[in-house]
C-alpha atoms as a PDB file:
ATOM      1  CA  MET A   1     231.629 -12.455  38.186  1.00  0.00           C
ATOM      2  CA  TYR A   2     229.305  -9.680  37.069  1.00  0.00           C
ATOM      3  CA  THR A   3     229.039  -8.503  33.475  1.00  0.00           C
ATOM      4  CA  ASN A   4     229.293  -4.946  32.192  1.00  0.00           C
ATOM      5  CA  ARG A   5     225.563  -5.031  31.462  1.00  0.00           C
ATOM      6  CA  GLN A   6     224.776  -6.036  35.061  1.00  0.00           C
ATOM      7  CA  MET A   7     226.985  -3.220  36.358  1.00  0.00           C
ATOM      8  CA  VAL A   8     225.179  -0.673  34.185  1.00  0.00           C
ATOM      9  CA  GLU A   9     221.738  -2.024  35.092  1.00  0.00           C
ATOM     10  CA  ARG A  10     222.598  -1.734  38.785  1.00  0.00           C
ATOM     11  CA  LEU A  11     223.649   1.905  38.348  1.00  0.00           C
ATOM     12  CA  LEU A  12     220.420   2.560  36.459  1.00  0.00           C
ATOM     13  CA  ARG A  13     218.308   0.815  39.096  1.00  0.00           C
ATOM     14  CA  ASP A  14     219.990   2.830  41.863  1.00  0.00           C
ATOM     15  CA  GLY A  15     219.162   6.072  40.065  1.00  0.00           C
ATOM     16  CA  ILE A  16     222.805   7.001  39.490  1.00  0.00           C
ATOM     17  CA  ILE A  17     222.569   6.686  35.716  1.00  0.00           C
ATOM     18  CA  LYS A  18     219.580   8.863  34.872  1.00  0.00           C
ATOM     19  CA  SER A  19     219.552   9.287  31.086  1.00  0.00           C
ATOM     20  CA  GLU A  20     219.290   6.811  28.236  1.00  0.00           C
ATOM     21  CA  ARG A  21     222.242   8.301  26.359  1.00  0.00           C
ATOM     22  CA  VAL A  22     224.492   7.865  29.406  1.00  0.00           C
ATOM     23  CA  ARG A  23     223.268   4.285  29.815  1.00  0.00           C
ATOM     24  CA  GLU A  24     224.137   3.610  26.174  1.00  0.00           C
ATOM     25  CA  ALA A  25     227.619   5.102  26.611  1.00  0.00           C
ATOM     26  CA  PHE A  26     228.330   2.887  29.627  1.00  0.00           C
ATOM     27  CA  MET A  27     227.017  -0.145  27.754  1.00  0.00           C
ATOM     28  CA  ALA A  28     229.304   0.627  24.801  1.00  0.00           C
ATOM     29  CA  VAL A  29     232.469   0.834  26.943  1.00  0.00           C
ATOM     30  CA  ASP A  30     233.351  -2.396  28.742  1.00  0.00           C
ATOM     31  CA  ARG A  31     235.136  -1.584  32.011  1.00  0.00           C
ATOM     32  CA  LYS A  32     237.203  -4.790  31.796  1.00  0.00           C
ATOM     33  CA  HIS A  33     239.370  -3.178  29.093  1.00  0.00           C
ATOM     34  CA  PHE A  34     240.517  -0.509  31.556  1.00  0.00           C
ATOM     35  CA  VAL A  35     241.236  -2.203  34.900  1.00  0.00           C
ATOM     36  CA  GLY A  36     244.399  -4.203  34.170  1.00  0.00           C
ATOM     37  CA  LYS A  37     244.790  -7.988  34.303  1.00  0.00           C
ATOM     38  CA  VAL A  38     245.082  -8.263  38.078  1.00  0.00           C
ATOM     39  CA  ASN A  39     241.700  -6.552  38.553  1.00  0.00           C
ATOM     40  CA  LEU A  40     239.750  -8.515  35.932  1.00  0.00           C
ATOM     41  CA  PRO A  41     237.881 -10.659  38.508  1.00  0.00           C
ATOM     42  CA  VAL A  42     236.487  -7.483  40.105  1.00  0.00           C
ATOM     43  CA  ALA A  43     236.166  -5.356  36.955  1.00  0.00           C
ATOM     44  CA  TYR A  44     232.446  -4.729  37.497  1.00  0.00           C
ATOM     45  CA  VAL A  45     232.428  -4.260  41.263  1.00  0.00           C
ATOM     46  CA  ASP A  46     231.330  -0.749  42.244  1.00  0.00           C
ATOM     47  CA  ARG A  47     234.519   0.408  43.904  1.00  0.00           C
ATOM     48  CA  PRO A  48     237.796   2.131  42.974  1.00  0.00           C
ATOM     49  CA  LEU A  49     240.557  -0.196  41.775  1.00  0.00           C
ATOM     50  CA  PRO A  50     244.333   0.335  41.933  1.00  0.00           C
ATOM     51  CA  ILE A  51     246.066   0.840  38.580  1.00  0.00           C
ATOM     52  CA  GLY A  52     249.608   1.414  39.848  1.00  0.00           C
ATOM     53  CA  HIS A  53     251.716   4.458  40.743  1.00  0.00           C
ATOM     54  CA  GLY A  54     249.432   5.203  43.696  1.00  0.00           C
ATOM     55  CA  GLN A  55     246.492   5.893  41.384  1.00  0.00           C
ATOM     56  CA  THR A  56     243.045   4.332  40.993  1.00  0.00           C
ATOM     57  CA  ILE A  57     240.277   3.920  38.472  1.00  0.00           C
ATOM     58  CA  SER A  58     237.202   5.571  40.001  1.00  0.00           C
ATOM     59  CA  ALA A  59     234.239   3.502  41.154  1.00  0.00           C
ATOM     60  CA  PRO A  60     231.590   3.152  38.417  1.00  0.00           C
ATOM     61  CA  HIS A  61     229.024   5.100  40.456  1.00  0.00           C
ATOM     62  CA  MET A  62     231.361   8.106  40.736  1.00  0.00           C
ATOM     63  CA  VAL A  63     232.105   8.028  37.009  1.00  0.00           C
ATOM     64  CA  ALA A  64     228.354   7.929  36.351  1.00  0.00           C
ATOM     65  CA  ILE A  65     227.694  10.843  38.726  1.00  0.00           C
ATOM     66  CA  MET A  66     230.341  12.955  37.006  1.00  0.00           C
ATOM     67  CA  VAL A  67     229.188  12.038  33.505  1.00  0.00           C
ATOM     68  CA  GLU A  68     225.589  12.976  34.328  1.00  0.00           C
ATOM     69  CA  GLU A  69     226.713  16.264  35.905  1.00  0.00           C
ATOM     70  CA  LEU A  70     228.995  17.103  32.969  1.00  0.00           C
ATOM     71  CA  ASN A  71     226.302  16.292  30.391  1.00  0.00           C
ATOM     72  CA  PRO A  72     228.607  16.309  27.330  1.00  0.00           C
ATOM     73  CA  GLN A  73     226.976  16.949  23.963  1.00  0.00           C
ATOM     74  CA  PRO A  74     227.725  15.809  20.381  1.00  0.00           C
ATOM     75  CA  GLY A  75     230.438  17.828  18.669  1.00  0.00           C
ATOM     76  CA  GLU A  76     231.955  19.234  21.855  1.00  0.00           C
ATOM     77  CA  VAL A  77     235.643  19.371  22.752  1.00  0.00           C
ATOM     78  CA  ILE A  78     236.198  18.127  26.303  1.00  0.00           C
ATOM     79  CA  LEU A  79     239.304  18.270  28.493  1.00  0.00           C
ATOM     80  CA  GLU A  80     239.885  15.588  31.118  1.00  0.00           C
ATOM     81  CA  VAL A  81     242.535  16.191  33.774  1.00  0.00           C
ATOM     82  CA  GLY A  82     243.789  12.832  35.056  1.00  0.00           C
ATOM     83  CA  SER A  83     243.568  10.065  32.455  1.00  0.00           C
ATOM     84  CA  GLY A  84     244.147   7.166  34.819  1.00  0.00           C
ATOM     85  CA  SER A  85     243.275   4.046  32.847  1.00  0.00           C
ATOM     86  CA  GLY A  86     241.303   5.929  30.177  1.00  0.00           C
ATOM     87  CA  TYR A  87     237.900   4.576  31.255  1.00  0.00           C
ATOM     88  CA  HIS A  88     236.250   7.874  32.125  1.00  0.00           C
ATOM     89  CA  ALA A  89     237.435   9.481  28.870  1.00  0.00           C
ATOM     90  CA  ALA A  90     236.173   6.453  26.946  1.00  0.00           C
ATOM     91  CA  VAL A  91     232.641   6.896  28.304  1.00  0.00           C
ATOM     92  CA  ILE A  92     232.705  10.649  27.591  1.00  0.00           C
ATOM     93  CA  SER A  93     234.020   9.987  24.080  1.00  0.00           C
ATOM     94  CA  ARG A  94     230.815   8.166  23.171  1.00  0.00           C
ATOM     95  CA  LEU A  95     228.688  11.112  24.253  1.00  0.00           C
ATOM     96  CA  VAL A  96     230.463  13.716  22.093  1.00  0.00           C
ATOM     97  CA  LEU A  97     229.932  11.738  18.883  1.00  0.00           C
ATOM     98  CA  PRO A  98     229.502  12.676  16.132  1.00  0.00           C
ATOM     99  CA  GLY A  99     232.229  15.237  15.634  1.00  0.00           C
ATOM    100  CA  GLY A 100     233.441  15.712  19.194  1.00  0.00           C
ATOM    101  CA  LYS A 101     236.688  14.732  20.877  1.00  0.00           C
ATOM    102  CA  VAL A 102     238.256  14.326  24.295  1.00  0.00           C
ATOM    103  CA  ILE A 103     241.720  15.552  25.252  1.00  0.00           C
ATOM    104  CA  THR A 104     242.948  13.789  28.379  1.00  0.00           C
ATOM    105  CA  ILE A 105     246.116  14.759  30.219  1.00  0.00           C
ATOM    106  CA  GLU A 106     248.026  12.493  32.605  1.00  0.00           C
ATOM    107  CA  ARG A 107     251.093  13.480  34.653  1.00  0.00           C
ATOM    108  CA  ILE A 108     252.447   9.908  34.960  1.00  0.00           C
ATOM    109  CA  PRO A 109     253.895   8.825  31.580  1.00  0.00           C
ATOM    110  CA  GLU A 110     253.399   5.111  32.290  1.00  0.00           C
ATOM    111  CA  LEU A 111     249.704   5.665  32.964  1.00  0.00           C
ATOM    112  CA  ALA A 112     249.368   7.840  29.857  1.00  0.00           C
ATOM    113  CA  ARG A 113     250.686   4.897  27.826  1.00  0.00           C
ATOM    114  CA  PHE A 114     248.397   2.500  29.733  1.00  0.00           C
ATOM    115  CA  ALA A 115     245.381   4.677  28.905  1.00  0.00           C
ATOM    116  CA  GLU A 116     246.398   4.870  25.235  1.00  0.00           C
ATOM    117  CA  ARG A 117     246.660   1.081  24.996  1.00  0.00           C
ATOM    118  CA  ASN A 118     243.308   0.582  26.707  1.00  0.00           C
ATOM    119  CA  LEU A 119     241.542   3.091  24.463  1.00  0.00           C
ATOM    120  CA  ARG A 120     243.040   1.499  21.368  1.00  0.00           C
ATOM    121  CA  ARG A 121     241.970  -1.965  22.556  1.00  0.00           C
ATOM    122  CA  ALA A 122     238.437  -0.657  23.074  1.00  0.00           C
ATOM    123  CA  GLY A 123     238.365   0.736  19.522  1.00  0.00           C
ATOM    124  CA  ILE A 124     238.055   4.383  20.590  1.00  0.00           C
ATOM    125  CA  ASP A 125     239.653   6.879  18.209  1.00  0.00           C
ATOM    126  CA  ASN A 126     238.342  10.293  19.303  1.00  0.00           C
ATOM    127  CA  VAL A 127     240.444  10.573  22.477  1.00  0.00           C
ATOM    128  CA  LYS A 128     243.912  12.149  22.517  1.00  0.00           C
ATOM    129  CA  VAL A 129     246.141  11.263  25.488  1.00  0.00           C
ATOM    130  CA  VAL A 130     248.769  13.815  26.520  1.00  0.00           C
ATOM    131  CA  ALA A 131     251.472  13.356  29.173  1.00  0.00           C
ATOM    132  CA  GLY A 132     251.913  16.467  31.312  1.00  0.00           C
ATOM    133  CA  ASP A 133     250.823  18.611  34.255  1.00  0.00           C
ATOM    134  CA  GLY A 134     247.036  18.570  34.159  1.00  0.00           C
ATOM    135  CA  SER A 135     246.734  21.564  36.488  1.00  0.00           C
ATOM    136  CA  LEU A 136     248.038  23.653  33.571  1.00  0.00           C
ATOM    137  CA  GLY A 137     245.354  22.360  31.230  1.00  0.00           C
ATOM    138  CA  TYR A 138     246.226  21.893  27.560  1.00  0.00           C
ATOM    139  CA  PRO A 139     246.266  25.227  25.663  1.00  0.00           C
ATOM    140  CA  PRO A 140     246.798  23.782  22.138  1.00  0.00           C
ATOM    141  CA  SER A 141     243.206  22.467  21.994  1.00  0.00           C
ATOM    142  CA  ALA A 142     241.561  25.242  24.051  1.00  0.00           C
ATOM    143  CA  PRO A 143     239.000  26.644  24.523  1.00  0.00           C
ATOM    144  CA  TYR A 144     236.982  23.697  25.821  1.00  0.00           C
ATOM    145  CA  ASP A 145     233.230  23.285  26.033  1.00  0.00           C
ATOM    146  CA  ARG A 146     233.595  21.306  29.247  1.00  0.00           C
ATOM    147  CA  ILE A 147     236.462  20.374  31.553  1.00  0.00           C
ATOM    148  CA  TYR A 148     236.447  17.765  34.301  1.00  0.00           C
ATOM    149  CA  VAL A 149     239.100  16.809  36.825  1.00  0.00           C
ATOM    150  CA  THR A 150     239.479  13.316  38.288  1.00  0.00           C
ATOM    151  CA  ALA A 151     241.713  14.332  41.212  1.00  0.00           C
ATOM    152  CA  ALA A 152     241.140  16.613  44.192  1.00  0.00           C
ATOM    153  CA  SER A 153     242.606  20.106  44.158  1.00  0.00           C
ATOM    154  CA  PRO A 154     243.120  22.647  46.966  1.00  0.00           C
ATOM    155  CA  GLY A 155     241.318  25.152  44.735  1.00  0.00           C
ATOM    156  CA  VAL A 156     240.313  25.743  41.129  1.00  0.00           C
ATOM    157  CA  PRO A 157     243.424  25.965  38.900  1.00  0.00           C
ATOM    158  CA  PRO A 158     243.311  29.335  37.061  1.00  0.00           C
ATOM    159  CA  PRO A 159     244.534  27.847  33.739  1.00  0.00           C
ATOM    160  CA  LEU A 160     241.469  25.590  33.601  1.00  0.00           C
ATOM    161  CA  LEU A 161     239.120  28.550  33.964  1.00  0.00           C
ATOM    162  CA  GLU A 162     241.094  30.448  31.331  1.00  0.00           C
ATOM    163  CA  GLN A 163     240.779  27.532  28.885  1.00  0.00           C
ATOM    164  CA  LEU A 164     237.039  27.103  29.457  1.00  0.00           C
ATOM    165  CA  LYS A 165     234.726  28.568  26.825  1.00  0.00           C
ATOM    166  CA  GLU A 166     232.273  31.309  27.713  1.00  0.00           C
ATOM    167  CA  GLY A 167     229.203  29.393  28.868  1.00  0.00           C
ATOM    168  CA  GLY A 168     231.330  26.319  29.522  1.00  0.00           C
ATOM    169  CA  LEU A 169     231.230  23.965  32.505  1.00  0.00           C
ATOM    170  CA  LEU A 170     234.021  22.793  34.810  1.00  0.00           C
ATOM    171  CA  LEU A 171     233.611  19.845  37.190  1.00  0.00           C
ATOM    172  CA  ILE A 172     236.273  19.488  39.882  1.00  0.00           C
ATOM    173  CA  PRO A 173     236.677  17.871  43.339  1.00  0.00           C
ATOM    174  CA  VAL A 174     237.949  20.507  45.799  1.00  0.00           C
ATOM    175  CA  GLU A 175     239.410  19.812  49.244  1.00  0.00           C
ATOM    176  CA  THR A 176     237.418  20.898  52.294  1.00  0.00           C
ATOM    177  CA  GLY A 177     240.134  20.288  54.901  1.00  0.00           C
ATOM    178  CA  TYR A 178     237.896  17.779  56.709  1.00  0.00           C
ATOM    179  CA  GLY A 179     239.061  14.529  55.091  1.00  0.00           C
ATOM    180  CA  TYR A 180     236.770  14.625  52.091  1.00  0.00           C
ATOM    181  CA  GLN A 181     236.164  16.759  49.030  1.00  0.00           C
ATOM    182  CA  ILE A 182     233.232  18.526  47.423  1.00  0.00           C
ATOM    183  CA  LEU A 183     232.515  18.004  43.744  1.00  0.00           C
ATOM    184  CA  LYS A 184     232.031  21.524  42.428  1.00  0.00           C
ATOM    185  CA  LYS A 185     230.149  22.426  39.263  1.00  0.00           C
ATOM    186  CA  ILE A 186     231.471  25.703  37.896  1.00  0.00           C
ATOM    187  CA  ARG A 187     230.026  27.717  35.023  1.00  0.00           C
ATOM    188  CA  LYS A 188     231.647  30.597  33.181  1.00  0.00           C
ATOM    189  CA  ARG A 189     229.029  33.225  32.381  1.00  0.00           C
ATOM    190  CA  ARG A 190     229.817  36.636  30.896  1.00  0.00           C
ATOM    191  CA  GLY A 191     233.259  36.603  32.469  1.00  0.00           C
ATOM    192  CA  ARG A 192     231.927  35.607  35.886  1.00  0.00           C
ATOM    193  CA  VAL A 193     232.389  32.274  37.643  1.00  0.00           C
ATOM    194  CA  VAL A 194     229.322  30.661  39.213  1.00  0.00           C
ATOM    195  CA  GLU A 195     230.007  27.752  41.600  1.00  0.00           C
ATOM    196  CA  GLU A 196     227.636  25.068  42.826  1.00  0.00           C
ATOM    197  CA  ASP A 197     228.422  22.286  45.340  1.00  0.00           C
ATOM    198  CA  ARG A 198     227.107  18.945  44.087  1.00  0.00           C
ATOM    199  CA  THR A 199     228.208  16.023  46.285  1.00  0.00           C
ATOM    200  CA  GLU A 200     230.852  14.808  48.722  1.00  0.00           C
ATOM    201  CA  CYS A 201     233.575  12.630  47.210  1.00  0.00           C
ATOM    202  CA  VAL A 202     237.052  11.215  47.791  1.00  0.00           C
ATOM    203  CA  PHE A 203     239.734  11.398  45.087  1.00  0.00           C
ATOM    204  CA  VAL A 204     243.512  11.108  44.919  1.00  0.00           C
ATOM    205  CA  PRO A 205     245.257  14.521  45.041  1.00  0.00           C
ATOM    206  CA  LEU A 206     245.872  16.616  41.937  1.00  0.00           C
ATOM    207  CA  ILE A 207     249.655  16.929  41.675  1.00  0.00           C
ATOM    208  CA  GLY A 208     251.010  19.879  39.737  1.00  0.00           C
ATOM    209  CA  LYS A 209     251.829  23.578  39.689  1.00  0.00           C
ATOM    210  CA  HIS A 210     248.255  24.542  40.564  1.00  0.00           C
ATOM    211  CA  GLY A 211     247.512  21.457  42.683  1.00  0.00           C
ATOM    212  CA  TYR A 212     249.570  19.870  45.449  1.00  0.00           C
END
């Protein structure tokens, strides 16, 4: 059985983790707290793992890719759409300290509770878990410095763009219609939206008013 340190070192060696601060965040958050008991023997294997309700915890390499692309900074307020087990939000939460926080929204109430328990067990107190339709965002804490989505959407949900700060960054997997998705990096600049395709990916679908 691998250790969390070995998992992180492998991601660093493969060039997926690129920055020291991201390496430190991954080291500080042990993935075993977020995979559920049945997955403990494979907690550090670089692949998605089922967490129930047809959902998965993303493979460590994909979490690392998204964290590096998002590049969260201390003091920022971040919105995550799709809490899953809480692992991704936990890593981001380390990068917005001091003074920052993560709001994560999950449509499946049982998974929202699962994420809350996992975050509490990991000693993380700057993440707020909300049960609801993530495609609508979360207006009470808007505007957000950065928003990222951990499920694939047919397009970019308008509420997420509306809740993004001027100069903010949105990271979202968008369907291509060819059996895979493109991770899009979207910036809001002077009222305009600038999109950039980053990498191919495969995520579960975003279910909601502005998803599927």
